[in-house]
């Protein structure tokens, strides 16, 4: 129940702080808000807010712009990932992708706007400047050339070329896992946790993110578009865990990694366990 309340509070904050273009462009503001209004799991912002709520609840309100910034950056990555030059997907979050609803130029510019505005939100959050610098360093690294961007570049370049398992893990650690790991670390930074705990949370997030990718590959193989809320059966040319390991092999890997994540979660301080278990319990075994 506490987790549901936190999510509802975040949704209220998002709805009251949707990006605005403030211009006479006839469609851009609507397009800018489209994928944010379409919903989503809000998993990355909830990682940040769950930690803050448990450890520093007085900072929860001040942390909302940071969580929103991460959601903006994640949403931009989805908009660009769906473009014709990349995955050429028709459906995202149960809605037509932006280049389908509007046009490709609008989708590119919406992604650009969400990306840059995410850092504006963090820079203007009511937190100390030292904290905000660390938050921006983390998000720009894990969402940038050392993280999501190089992962996406590898993913696109090596279509129709089979990677080794360690290369596939590198790809998806960077493309998917680092932003999840960075979200956990950002919650720890806001709460001023020690570096060892920050690193432990970050490494835990890498495993969670890799698990998520294996699960997504399984879902792409087994779920309908209506069930998944996005285009499925779209990984035929991609380097996915199902394509490399087979469906049963991918399921085995997901089970092994889910057990590892569960054990590591149980090793955290009790307050961190209490903050993360209600959220993660919905996701660890979603491939079942």
C-alpha atoms as a PDB file:
ATOM      1  CA  UNK A   1       0.000   0.000   0.000  1.00  0.00           C
ATOM      2  CA  UNK A   2       2.834   2.372   0.858  1.00  0.00           C
ATOM      3  CA  UNK A   3       4.422   1.685  -2.527  1.00  0.00           C
ATOM      4  CA  UNK A   4       1.118   2.400  -4.302  1.00  0.00           C
ATOM      5  CA  UNK A   5       0.797   5.711  -2.481  1.00  0.00           C
ATOM      6  CA  UNK A   6       4.309   6.706  -3.481  1.00  0.00           C
ATOM      7  CA  UNK A   7       3.603   5.869  -7.112  1.00  0.00           C
ATOM      8  CA  UNK A   8       0.360   7.839  -7.000  1.00  0.00           C
ATOM      9  CA  UNK A   9       2.205  10.831  -5.530  1.00  0.00           C
ATOM     10  CA  UNK A  10       4.781  10.633  -8.293  1.00  0.00           C
ATOM     11  CA  UNK A  11       2.091  10.430 -10.970  1.00  0.00           C
ATOM     12  CA  UNK A  12       0.421  13.523  -9.484  1.00  0.00           C
ATOM     13  CA  UNK A  13       3.739  15.350  -9.525  1.00  0.00           C
ATOM     14  CA  UNK A  14       4.375  14.311 -13.136  1.00  0.00           C
ATOM     15  CA  UNK A  15       0.907  15.423 -14.235  1.00  0.00           C
ATOM     16  CA  UNK A  16       1.445  18.822 -12.630  1.00  0.00           C
ATOM     17  CA  UNK A  17       4.891  19.228 -14.202  1.00  0.00           C
ATOM     18  CA  UNK A  18       4.475  18.015 -17.762  1.00  0.00           C
ATOM     19  CA  UNK A  19       6.873  19.744 -20.160  1.00  0.00           C
ATOM     20  CA  UNK A  20       5.474  22.680 -22.097  1.00  0.00           C
ATOM     21  CA  UNK A  21       6.771  24.108 -25.368  1.00  0.00           C
ATOM     22  CA  UNK A  22       5.322  27.628 -24.769  1.00  0.00           C
ATOM     23  CA  UNK A  23       5.093  28.424 -28.467  1.00  0.00           C
ATOM     24  CA  UNK A  24       2.618  28.620 -31.352  1.00  0.00           C
ATOM     25  CA  UNK A  25       3.670  25.211 -32.749  1.00  0.00           C
ATOM     26  CA  UNK A  26       0.331  23.407 -33.294  1.00  0.00           C
ATOM     27  CA  UNK A  27       1.309  19.908 -32.140  1.00  0.00           C
ATOM     28  CA  UNK A  28       4.669  19.939 -30.379  1.00  0.00           C
ATOM     29  CA  UNK A  29       3.430  20.351 -26.808  1.00  0.00           C
ATOM     30  CA  UNK A  30       0.923  17.535 -27.243  1.00  0.00           C
ATOM     31  CA  UNK A  31       3.647  15.317 -28.726  1.00  0.00           C
ATOM     32  CA  UNK A  32       6.036  16.292 -25.923  1.00  0.00           C
ATOM     33  CA  UNK A  33       3.578  15.025 -23.328  1.00  0.00           C
ATOM     34  CA  UNK A  34       2.241  12.039 -25.256  1.00  0.00           C
ATOM     35  CA  UNK A  35       4.557   9.246 -24.079  1.00  0.00           C
ATOM     36  CA  UNK A  36       4.649  10.596 -20.523  1.00  0.00           C
ATOM     37  CA  UNK A  37       0.848  10.522 -20.398  1.00  0.00           C
ATOM     38  CA  UNK A  38       0.854   7.011 -21.875  1.00  0.00           C
ATOM     39  CA  UNK A  39       1.950   5.603 -18.524  1.00  0.00           C
ATOM     40  CA  UNK A  40       4.677   3.061 -17.916  1.00  0.00           C
ATOM     41  CA  UNK A  41       6.049   1.230 -14.900  1.00  0.00           C
ATOM     42  CA  UNK A  42       7.911   4.342 -13.581  1.00  0.00           C
ATOM     43  CA  UNK A  43      10.408   1.818 -12.247  1.00  0.00           C
ATOM     44  CA  UNK A  44      13.506   4.022 -12.292  1.00  0.00           C
ATOM     45  CA  UNK A  45      11.983   7.015 -10.479  1.00  0.00           C
ATOM     46  CA  UNK A  46      10.383   4.660  -7.997  1.00  0.00           C
ATOM     47  CA  UNK A  47      13.803   3.199  -7.150  1.00  0.00           C
ATOM     48  CA  UNK A  48      15.003   6.687  -6.224  1.00  0.00           C
ATOM     49  CA  UNK A  49      11.885   7.623  -4.275  1.00  0.00           C
ATOM     50  CA  UNK A  50      11.605   4.287  -2.446  1.00  0.00           C
ATOM     51  CA  UNK A  51      15.101   4.726  -0.993  1.00  0.00           C
ATOM     52  CA  UNK A  52      14.474   8.349  -0.031  1.00  0.00           C
ATOM     53  CA  UNK A  53      11.091   7.579   1.518  1.00  0.00           C
ATOM     54  CA  UNK A  54      12.607   4.863   3.678  1.00  0.00           C
ATOM     55  CA  UNK A  55      15.810   6.619   4.755  1.00  0.00           C
ATOM     56  CA  UNK A  56      15.201  10.387   4.454  1.00  0.00           C
ATOM     57  CA  UNK A  57      11.415  10.935   4.188  1.00  0.00           C
ATOM     58  CA  UNK A  58      11.764  14.678   4.810  1.00  0.00           C
ATOM     59  CA  UNK A  59      13.627  14.904   1.482  1.00  0.00           C
ATOM     60  CA  UNK A  60      10.938  13.079  -0.483  1.00  0.00           C
ATOM     61  CA  UNK A  61       9.213  16.201  -1.843  1.00  0.00           C
ATOM     62  CA  UNK A  62      12.565  17.757  -2.786  1.00  0.00           C
ATOM     63  CA  UNK A  63      13.525  14.562  -4.609  1.00  0.00           C
ATOM     64  CA  UNK A  64      10.513  14.556  -6.929  1.00  0.00           C
ATOM     65  CA  UNK A  65      12.210  16.711  -9.634  1.00  0.00           C
ATOM     66  CA  UNK A  66      15.141  14.285  -9.661  1.00  0.00           C
ATOM     67  CA  UNK A  67      12.845  11.289 -10.085  1.00  0.00           C
ATOM     68  CA  UNK A  68      10.955  13.130 -12.814  1.00  0.00           C
ATOM     69  CA  UNK A  69      14.210  13.952 -14.565  1.00  0.00           C
ATOM     70  CA  UNK A  70      15.129  10.267 -14.679  1.00  0.00           C
ATOM     71  CA  UNK A  71      11.690   9.409 -16.065  1.00  0.00           C
ATOM     72  CA  UNK A  72      12.102  12.092 -18.737  1.00  0.00           C
ATOM     73  CA  UNK A  73      15.480  10.702 -19.756  1.00  0.00           C
ATOM     74  CA  UNK A  74      14.182   7.129 -19.829  1.00  0.00           C
ATOM     75  CA  UNK A  75      11.176   8.183 -21.910  1.00  0.00           C
ATOM     76  CA  UNK A  76      13.411  10.003 -24.389  1.00  0.00           C
ATOM     77  CA  UNK A  77      15.415   6.791 -24.815  1.00  0.00           C
ATOM     78  CA  UNK A  78      12.223   4.866 -25.640  1.00  0.00           C
ATOM     79  CA  UNK A  79      11.099   7.475 -28.175  1.00  0.00           C
ATOM     80  CA  UNK A  80      14.443   7.311 -29.980  1.00  0.00           C
ATOM     81  CA  UNK A  81      14.704   3.511 -29.646  1.00  0.00           C
ATOM     82  CA  UNK A  82      11.388   3.170 -31.522  1.00  0.00           C
ATOM     83  CA  UNK A  83      12.438   5.376 -34.469  1.00  0.00           C
ATOM     84  CA  UNK A  84      12.551   3.911 -37.994  1.00  0.00           C
ATOM     85  CA  UNK A  85      16.357   4.179 -37.996  1.00  0.00           C
ATOM     86  CA  UNK A  86      16.533   1.981 -34.883  1.00  0.00           C
ATOM     87  CA  UNK A  87      13.780  -0.520 -33.972  1.00  0.00           C
ATOM     88  CA  UNK A  88      11.040   0.937 -36.226  1.00  0.00           C
ATOM     89  CA  UNK A  89       8.389   0.006 -33.654  1.00  0.00           C
ATOM     90  CA  UNK A  90       4.691   0.816 -33.948  1.00  0.00           C
ATOM     91  CA  UNK A  91       3.610   0.482 -30.310  1.00  0.00           C
ATOM     92  CA  UNK A  92       4.933   1.722 -26.964  1.00  0.00           C
ATOM     93  CA  UNK A  93       3.224   1.754 -23.555  1.00  0.00           C
ATOM     94  CA  UNK A  94       0.074   0.520 -25.274  1.00  0.00           C
ATOM     95  CA  UNK A  95      -0.037   3.534 -27.606  1.00  0.00           C
ATOM     96  CA  UNK A  96       1.208   4.258 -31.130  1.00  0.00           C
ATOM     97  CA  UNK A  97       4.824   5.418 -31.136  1.00  0.00           C
ATOM     98  CA  UNK A  98       5.426   9.123 -31.697  1.00  0.00           C
ATOM     99  CA  UNK A  99       6.713   8.827 -35.251  1.00  0.00           C
ATOM    100  CA  UNK A 100       3.471   6.976 -36.056  1.00  0.00           C
ATOM    101  CA  UNK A 101       1.168   9.431 -34.260  1.00  0.00           C
ATOM    102  CA  UNK A 102       2.950  12.524 -35.585  1.00  0.00           C
ATOM    103  CA  UNK A 103       6.073  12.240 -37.743  1.00  0.00           C
ATOM    104  CA  UNK A 104       9.716  11.258 -37.452  1.00  0.00           C
ATOM    105  CA  UNK A 105      11.053  14.812 -37.058  1.00  0.00           C
ATOM    106  CA  UNK A 106       8.651  15.490 -34.192  1.00  0.00           C
ATOM    107  CA  UNK A 107       9.647  12.224 -32.475  1.00  0.00           C
ATOM    108  CA  UNK A 108      13.368  13.052 -32.757  1.00  0.00           C
ATOM    109  CA  UNK A 109      12.878  16.547 -31.342  1.00  0.00           C
ATOM    110  CA  UNK A 110      10.627  15.332 -28.511  1.00  0.00           C
ATOM    111  CA  UNK A 111      13.372  12.898 -27.515  1.00  0.00           C
ATOM    112  CA  UNK A 112      15.949  15.686 -27.642  1.00  0.00           C
ATOM    113  CA  UNK A 113      13.736  17.926 -25.506  1.00  0.00           C
ATOM    114  CA  UNK A 114      13.080  15.271 -22.848  1.00  0.00           C
ATOM    115  CA  UNK A 115      16.785  14.438 -22.678  1.00  0.00           C
ATOM    116  CA  UNK A 116      17.980  17.988 -22.088  1.00  0.00           C
ATOM    117  CA  UNK A 117      15.085  18.945 -19.805  1.00  0.00           C
ATOM    118  CA  UNK A 118      15.839  16.008 -17.504  1.00  0.00           C
ATOM    119  CA  UNK A 119      19.055  17.746 -16.428  1.00  0.00           C
ATOM    120  CA  UNK A 120      17.273  21.088 -16.079  1.00  0.00           C
ATOM    121  CA  UNK A 121      14.886  19.456 -13.600  1.00  0.00           C
ATOM    122  CA  UNK A 122      17.734  18.083 -11.501  1.00  0.00           C
ATOM    123  CA  UNK A 123      19.717  21.331 -11.648  1.00  0.00           C
ATOM    124  CA  UNK A 124      16.715  23.229 -10.252  1.00  0.00           C
ATOM    125  CA  UNK A 125      15.717  20.684  -7.589  1.00  0.00           C
ATOM    126  CA  UNK A 126      15.624  22.063  -4.017  1.00  0.00           C
ATOM    127  CA  UNK A 127      18.685  20.087  -2.917  1.00  0.00           C
ATOM    128  CA  UNK A 128      22.224  21.158  -2.116  1.00  0.00           C
ATOM    129  CA  UNK A 129      24.458  21.967  -5.086  1.00  0.00           C
ATOM    130  CA  UNK A 130      26.970  19.292  -4.046  1.00  0.00           C
ATOM    131  CA  UNK A 131      24.240  16.647  -4.150  1.00  0.00           C
ATOM    132  CA  UNK A 132      22.924  17.897  -7.497  1.00  0.00           C
ATOM    133  CA  UNK A 133      26.387  17.774  -9.080  1.00  0.00           C
ATOM    134  CA  UNK A 134      26.758  14.132  -8.037  1.00  0.00           C
ATOM    135  CA  UNK A 135      23.281  13.330  -9.352  1.00  0.00           C
ATOM    136  CA  UNK A 136      24.009  14.955 -12.715  1.00  0.00           C
ATOM    137  CA  UNK A 137      27.371  13.182 -12.942  1.00  0.00           C
ATOM    138  CA  UNK A 138      25.668   9.839 -12.353  1.00  0.00           C
ATOM    139  CA  UNK A 139      22.793  10.331 -14.777  1.00  0.00           C
ATOM    140  CA  UNK A 140      24.948  11.822 -17.539  1.00  0.00           C
ATOM    141  CA  UNK A 141      27.380   8.903 -17.268  1.00  0.00           C
ATOM    142  CA  UNK A 142      24.868   6.055 -17.091  1.00  0.00           C
ATOM    143  CA  UNK A 143      22.501   7.648 -19.611  1.00  0.00           C
ATOM    144  CA  UNK A 144      25.300   8.858 -21.905  1.00  0.00           C
ATOM    145  CA  UNK A 145      28.320   7.643 -23.807  1.00  0.00           C
ATOM    146  CA  UNK A 146      29.561   5.480 -20.928  1.00  0.00           C
ATOM    147  CA  UNK A 147      26.181   3.809 -20.590  1.00  0.00           C
ATOM    148  CA  UNK A 148      22.954   3.775 -22.560  1.00  0.00           C
ATOM    149  CA  UNK A 149      24.297   5.416 -25.728  1.00  0.00           C
ATOM    150  CA  UNK A 150      27.203   3.047 -26.352  1.00  0.00           C
ATOM    151  CA  UNK A 151      24.893   0.132 -25.575  1.00  0.00           C
ATOM    152  CA  UNK A 152      22.410   1.351 -28.171  1.00  0.00           C
ATOM    153  CA  UNK A 153      25.207   1.970 -30.686  1.00  0.00           C
ATOM    154  CA  UNK A 154      26.461  -1.605 -30.280  1.00  0.00           C
ATOM    155  CA  UNK A 155      22.914  -2.958 -30.486  1.00  0.00           C
ATOM    156  CA  UNK A 156      22.244  -1.199 -33.781  1.00  0.00           C
ATOM    157  CA  UNK A 157      25.661  -1.801 -35.369  1.00  0.00           C
ATOM    158  CA  UNK A 158      25.699  -5.542 -34.694  1.00  0.00           C
ATOM    159  CA  UNK A 159      22.231  -6.385 -35.984  1.00  0.00           C
ATOM    160  CA  UNK A 160      22.366  -9.627 -37.973  1.00  0.00           C
ATOM    161  CA  UNK A 161      25.802 -10.358 -36.458  1.00  0.00           C
ATOM    162  CA  UNK A 162      26.005 -12.870 -33.634  1.00  0.00           C
ATOM    163  CA  UNK A 163      27.755 -11.680 -30.483  1.00  0.00           C
ATOM    164  CA  UNK A 164      29.380 -13.830 -27.813  1.00  0.00           C
ATOM    165  CA  UNK A 165      27.625 -14.058 -24.448  1.00  0.00           C
ATOM    166  CA  UNK A 166      30.076 -11.692 -22.731  1.00  0.00           C
ATOM    167  CA  UNK A 167      29.583  -9.155 -25.544  1.00  0.00           C
ATOM    168  CA  UNK A 168      25.803  -9.493 -25.286  1.00  0.00           C
ATOM    169  CA  UNK A 169      25.988  -8.877 -21.539  1.00  0.00           C
ATOM    170  CA  UNK A 170      28.208  -5.813 -22.130  1.00  0.00           C
ATOM    171  CA  UNK A 171      25.665  -4.471 -24.622  1.00  0.00           C
ATOM    172  CA  UNK A 172      22.706  -4.794 -22.281  1.00  0.00           C
ATOM    173  CA  UNK A 173      24.532  -3.777 -19.124  1.00  0.00           C
ATOM    174  CA  UNK A 174      25.210  -0.476 -20.864  1.00  0.00           C
ATOM    175  CA  UNK A 175      21.966  -0.068 -22.786  1.00  0.00           C
ATOM    176  CA  UNK A 176      19.569  -1.063 -20.003  1.00  0.00           C
ATOM    177  CA  UNK A 177      21.184  -1.932 -16.687  1.00  0.00           C
ATOM    178  CA  UNK A 178      23.280   1.154 -16.043  1.00  0.00           C
ATOM    179  CA  UNK A 179      20.303   3.527 -15.910  1.00  0.00           C
ATOM    180  CA  UNK A 180      18.606   1.236 -13.382  1.00  0.00           C
ATOM    181  CA  UNK A 181      21.829   0.986 -11.364  1.00  0.00           C
ATOM    182  CA  UNK A 182      22.259   4.755 -11.589  1.00  0.00           C
ATOM    183  CA  UNK A 183      18.747   5.305 -10.265  1.00  0.00           C
ATOM    184  CA  UNK A 184      19.532   3.273  -7.160  1.00  0.00           C
ATOM    185  CA  UNK A 185      22.766   5.190  -6.705  1.00  0.00           C
ATOM    186  CA  UNK A 186      20.959   8.523  -7.093  1.00  0.00           C
ATOM    187  CA  UNK A 187      18.604   7.604  -4.266  1.00  0.00           C
ATOM    188  CA  UNK A 188      21.638   6.773  -2.153  1.00  0.00           C
ATOM    189  CA  UNK A 189      23.311  10.078  -3.068  1.00  0.00           C
ATOM    190  CA  UNK A 190      20.254  12.079  -2.005  1.00  0.00           C
ATOM    191  CA  UNK A 191      20.277  10.220   1.322  1.00  0.00           C
ATOM    192  CA  UNK A 192      24.034  10.834   1.706  1.00  0.00           C
ATOM    193  CA  UNK A 193      24.812   7.134   2.097  1.00  0.00           C
ATOM    194  CA  UNK A 194      28.466   6.091   2.251  1.00  0.00           C
ATOM    195  CA  UNK A 195      30.352   5.230  -0.941  1.00  0.00           C
ATOM    196  CA  UNK A 196      30.494   1.510  -0.156  1.00  0.00           C
ATOM    197  CA  UNK A 197      26.696   1.365   0.117  1.00  0.00           C
ATOM    198  CA  UNK A 198      26.314   3.419  -3.052  1.00  0.00           C
ATOM    199  CA  UNK A 199      28.560   0.981  -4.904  1.00  0.00           C
ATOM    200  CA  UNK A 200      26.765  -2.034  -3.482  1.00  0.00           C
ATOM    201  CA  UNK A 201      23.427  -0.631  -4.621  1.00  0.00           C
ATOM    202  CA  UNK A 202      24.875   0.189  -8.024  1.00  0.00           C
ATOM    203  CA  UNK A 203      26.214  -3.330  -8.549  1.00  0.00           C
ATOM    204  CA  UNK A 204      22.883  -4.740  -7.407  1.00  0.00           C
ATOM    205  CA  UNK A 205      21.203  -2.501  -9.978  1.00  0.00           C
ATOM    206  CA  UNK A 206      23.419  -3.869 -12.747  1.00  0.00           C
ATOM    207  CA  UNK A 207      22.138  -7.370 -11.961  1.00  0.00           C
ATOM    208  CA  UNK A 208      18.542  -6.131 -11.784  1.00  0.00           C
ATOM    209  CA  UNK A 209      18.927  -4.362 -15.125  1.00  0.00           C
ATOM    210  CA  UNK A 210      20.432  -7.402 -16.811  1.00  0.00           C
ATOM    211  CA  UNK A 211      17.595  -9.517 -15.420  1.00  0.00           C
ATOM    212  CA  UNK A 212      15.102  -7.023 -16.825  1.00  0.00           C
ATOM    213  CA  UNK A 213      16.654  -7.319 -20.276  1.00  0.00           C
ATOM    214  CA  UNK A 214      16.563 -11.105 -20.254  1.00  0.00           C
ATOM    215  CA  UNK A 215      12.930 -10.904 -19.148  1.00  0.00           C
ATOM    216  CA  UNK A 216      12.127  -8.400 -21.914  1.00  0.00           C
ATOM    217  CA  UNK A 217      13.685 -10.734 -24.474  1.00  0.00           C
ATOM    218  CA  UNK A 218      11.521 -13.570 -23.153  1.00  0.00           C
ATOM    219  CA  UNK A 219       8.427 -11.355 -23.276  1.00  0.00           C
ATOM    220  CA  UNK A 220       9.245 -10.326 -26.853  1.00  0.00           C
ATOM    221  CA  UNK A 221       9.302 -14.007 -27.772  1.00  0.00           C
ATOM    222  CA  UNK A 222       6.240 -15.187 -25.828  1.00  0.00           C
ATOM    223  CA  UNK A 223       3.787 -12.295 -25.325  1.00  0.00           C
ATOM    224  CA  UNK A 224       1.320 -10.605 -27.652  1.00  0.00           C
ATOM    225  CA  UNK A 225       1.565  -6.873 -28.325  1.00  0.00           C
ATOM    226  CA  UNK A 226      -1.563  -6.356 -26.209  1.00  0.00           C
ATOM    227  CA  UNK A 227      -0.003  -8.213 -23.264  1.00  0.00           C
ATOM    228  CA  UNK A 228       3.345  -6.423 -23.533  1.00  0.00           C
ATOM    229  CA  UNK A 229       1.999  -2.968 -24.410  1.00  0.00           C
ATOM    230  CA  UNK A 230       4.667  -2.588 -27.092  1.00  0.00           C
ATOM    231  CA  UNK A 231       5.746  -4.093 -30.388  1.00  0.00           C
ATOM    232  CA  UNK A 232       6.779  -7.735 -29.919  1.00  0.00           C
ATOM    233  CA  UNK A 233       8.363 -10.365 -32.179  1.00  0.00           C
ATOM    234  CA  UNK A 234      10.708  -7.533 -33.124  1.00  0.00           C
ATOM    235  CA  UNK A 235      14.051  -9.075 -32.101  1.00  0.00           C
ATOM    236  CA  UNK A 236      14.678 -11.436 -35.005  1.00  0.00           C
ATOM    237  CA  UNK A 237      17.713  -9.469 -36.250  1.00  0.00           C
ATOM    238  CA  UNK A 238      18.783  -8.388 -32.758  1.00  0.00           C
ATOM    239  CA  UNK A 239      21.300  -9.815 -30.341  1.00  0.00           C
ATOM    240  CA  UNK A 240      18.880 -11.038 -27.691  1.00  0.00           C
ATOM    241  CA  UNK A 241      19.309 -13.608 -24.954  1.00  0.00           C
ATOM    242  CA  UNK A 242      16.575 -15.735 -26.507  1.00  0.00           C
ATOM    243  CA  UNK A 243      18.273 -15.685 -29.899  1.00  0.00           C
ATOM    244  CA  UNK A 244      21.628 -16.642 -28.361  1.00  0.00           C
ATOM    245  CA  UNK A 245      20.576 -19.086 -25.641  1.00  0.00           C
ATOM    246  CA  UNK A 246      17.178 -20.257 -26.851  1.00  0.00           C
ATOM    247  CA  UNK A 247      13.983 -19.680 -24.881  1.00  0.00           C
ATOM    248  CA  UNK A 248      14.723 -22.361 -22.271  1.00  0.00           C
ATOM    249  CA  UNK A 249      18.289 -21.120 -21.849  1.00  0.00           C
ATOM    250  CA  UNK A 250      17.065 -17.569 -21.375  1.00  0.00           C
ATOM    251  CA  UNK A 251      14.514 -18.743 -18.807  1.00  0.00           C
ATOM    252  CA  UNK A 252      17.242 -20.599 -16.908  1.00  0.00           C
ATOM    253  CA  UNK A 253      19.453 -17.495 -16.938  1.00  0.00           C
ATOM    254  CA  UNK A 254      16.572 -15.340 -15.693  1.00  0.00           C
ATOM    255  CA  UNK A 255      15.837 -17.765 -12.863  1.00  0.00           C
ATOM    256  CA  UNK A 256      19.497 -17.857 -11.800  1.00  0.00           C
ATOM    257  CA  UNK A 257      19.867 -14.090 -11.885  1.00  0.00           C
ATOM    258  CA  UNK A 258      16.563 -13.521 -10.084  1.00  0.00           C
ATOM    259  CA  UNK A 259      17.731 -15.779  -7.247  1.00  0.00           C
ATOM    260  CA  UNK A 260      21.038 -13.905  -7.056  1.00  0.00           C
ATOM    261  CA  UNK A 261      19.208 -10.559  -6.901  1.00  0.00           C
ATOM    262  CA  UNK A 262      16.883 -11.845  -4.195  1.00  0.00           C
ATOM    263  CA  UNK A 263      19.827 -13.060  -2.091  1.00  0.00           C
ATOM    264  CA  UNK A 264      21.691  -9.771  -2.520  1.00  0.00           C
ATOM    265  CA  UNK A 265      18.593  -7.804  -1.597  1.00  0.00           C
ATOM    266  CA  UNK A 266      18.363  -9.799   1.636  1.00  0.00           C
ATOM    267  CA  UNK A 267      21.948  -8.814   2.463  1.00  0.00           C
ATOM    268  CA  UNK A 268      21.169  -5.085   2.620  1.00  0.00           C
ATOM    269  CA  UNK A 269      20.518  -3.076   5.745  1.00  0.00           C
ATOM    270  CA  UNK A 270      16.958  -3.727   6.926  1.00  0.00           C
ATOM    271  CA  UNK A 271      15.836  -0.199   6.024  1.00  0.00           C
ATOM    272  CA  UNK A 272      17.020  -0.629   2.438  1.00  0.00           C
ATOM    273  CA  UNK A 273      15.329  -4.014   2.276  1.00  0.00           C
ATOM    274  CA  UNK A 274      12.089  -2.470   3.479  1.00  0.00           C
ATOM    275  CA  UNK A 275      12.337   0.291   0.890  1.00  0.00           C
ATOM    276  CA  UNK A 276      13.090  -1.927  -2.101  1.00  0.00           C
ATOM    277  CA  UNK A 277      11.293  -5.230  -1.512  1.00  0.00           C
ATOM    278  CA  UNK A 278       7.739  -3.918  -2.091  1.00  0.00           C
ATOM    279  CA  UNK A 279       8.839  -2.540  -5.460  1.00  0.00           C
ATOM    280  CA  UNK A 280      11.101  -5.361  -6.643  1.00  0.00           C
ATOM    281  CA  UNK A 281       8.796  -8.182  -5.606  1.00  0.00           C
ATOM    282  CA  UNK A 282       6.607  -7.339  -8.613  1.00  0.00           C
ATOM    283  CA  UNK A 283       9.481  -7.710 -11.058  1.00  0.00           C
ATOM    284  CA  UNK A 284      12.017 -10.332  -9.988  1.00  0.00           C
ATOM    285  CA  UNK A 285      10.065 -13.251 -11.390  1.00  0.00           C
ATOM    286  CA  UNK A 286       7.884 -11.555 -14.015  1.00  0.00           C
ATOM    287  CA  UNK A 287       9.282 -13.955 -16.642  1.00  0.00           C
ATOM    288  CA  UNK A 288       7.468 -16.868 -14.990  1.00  0.00           C
END
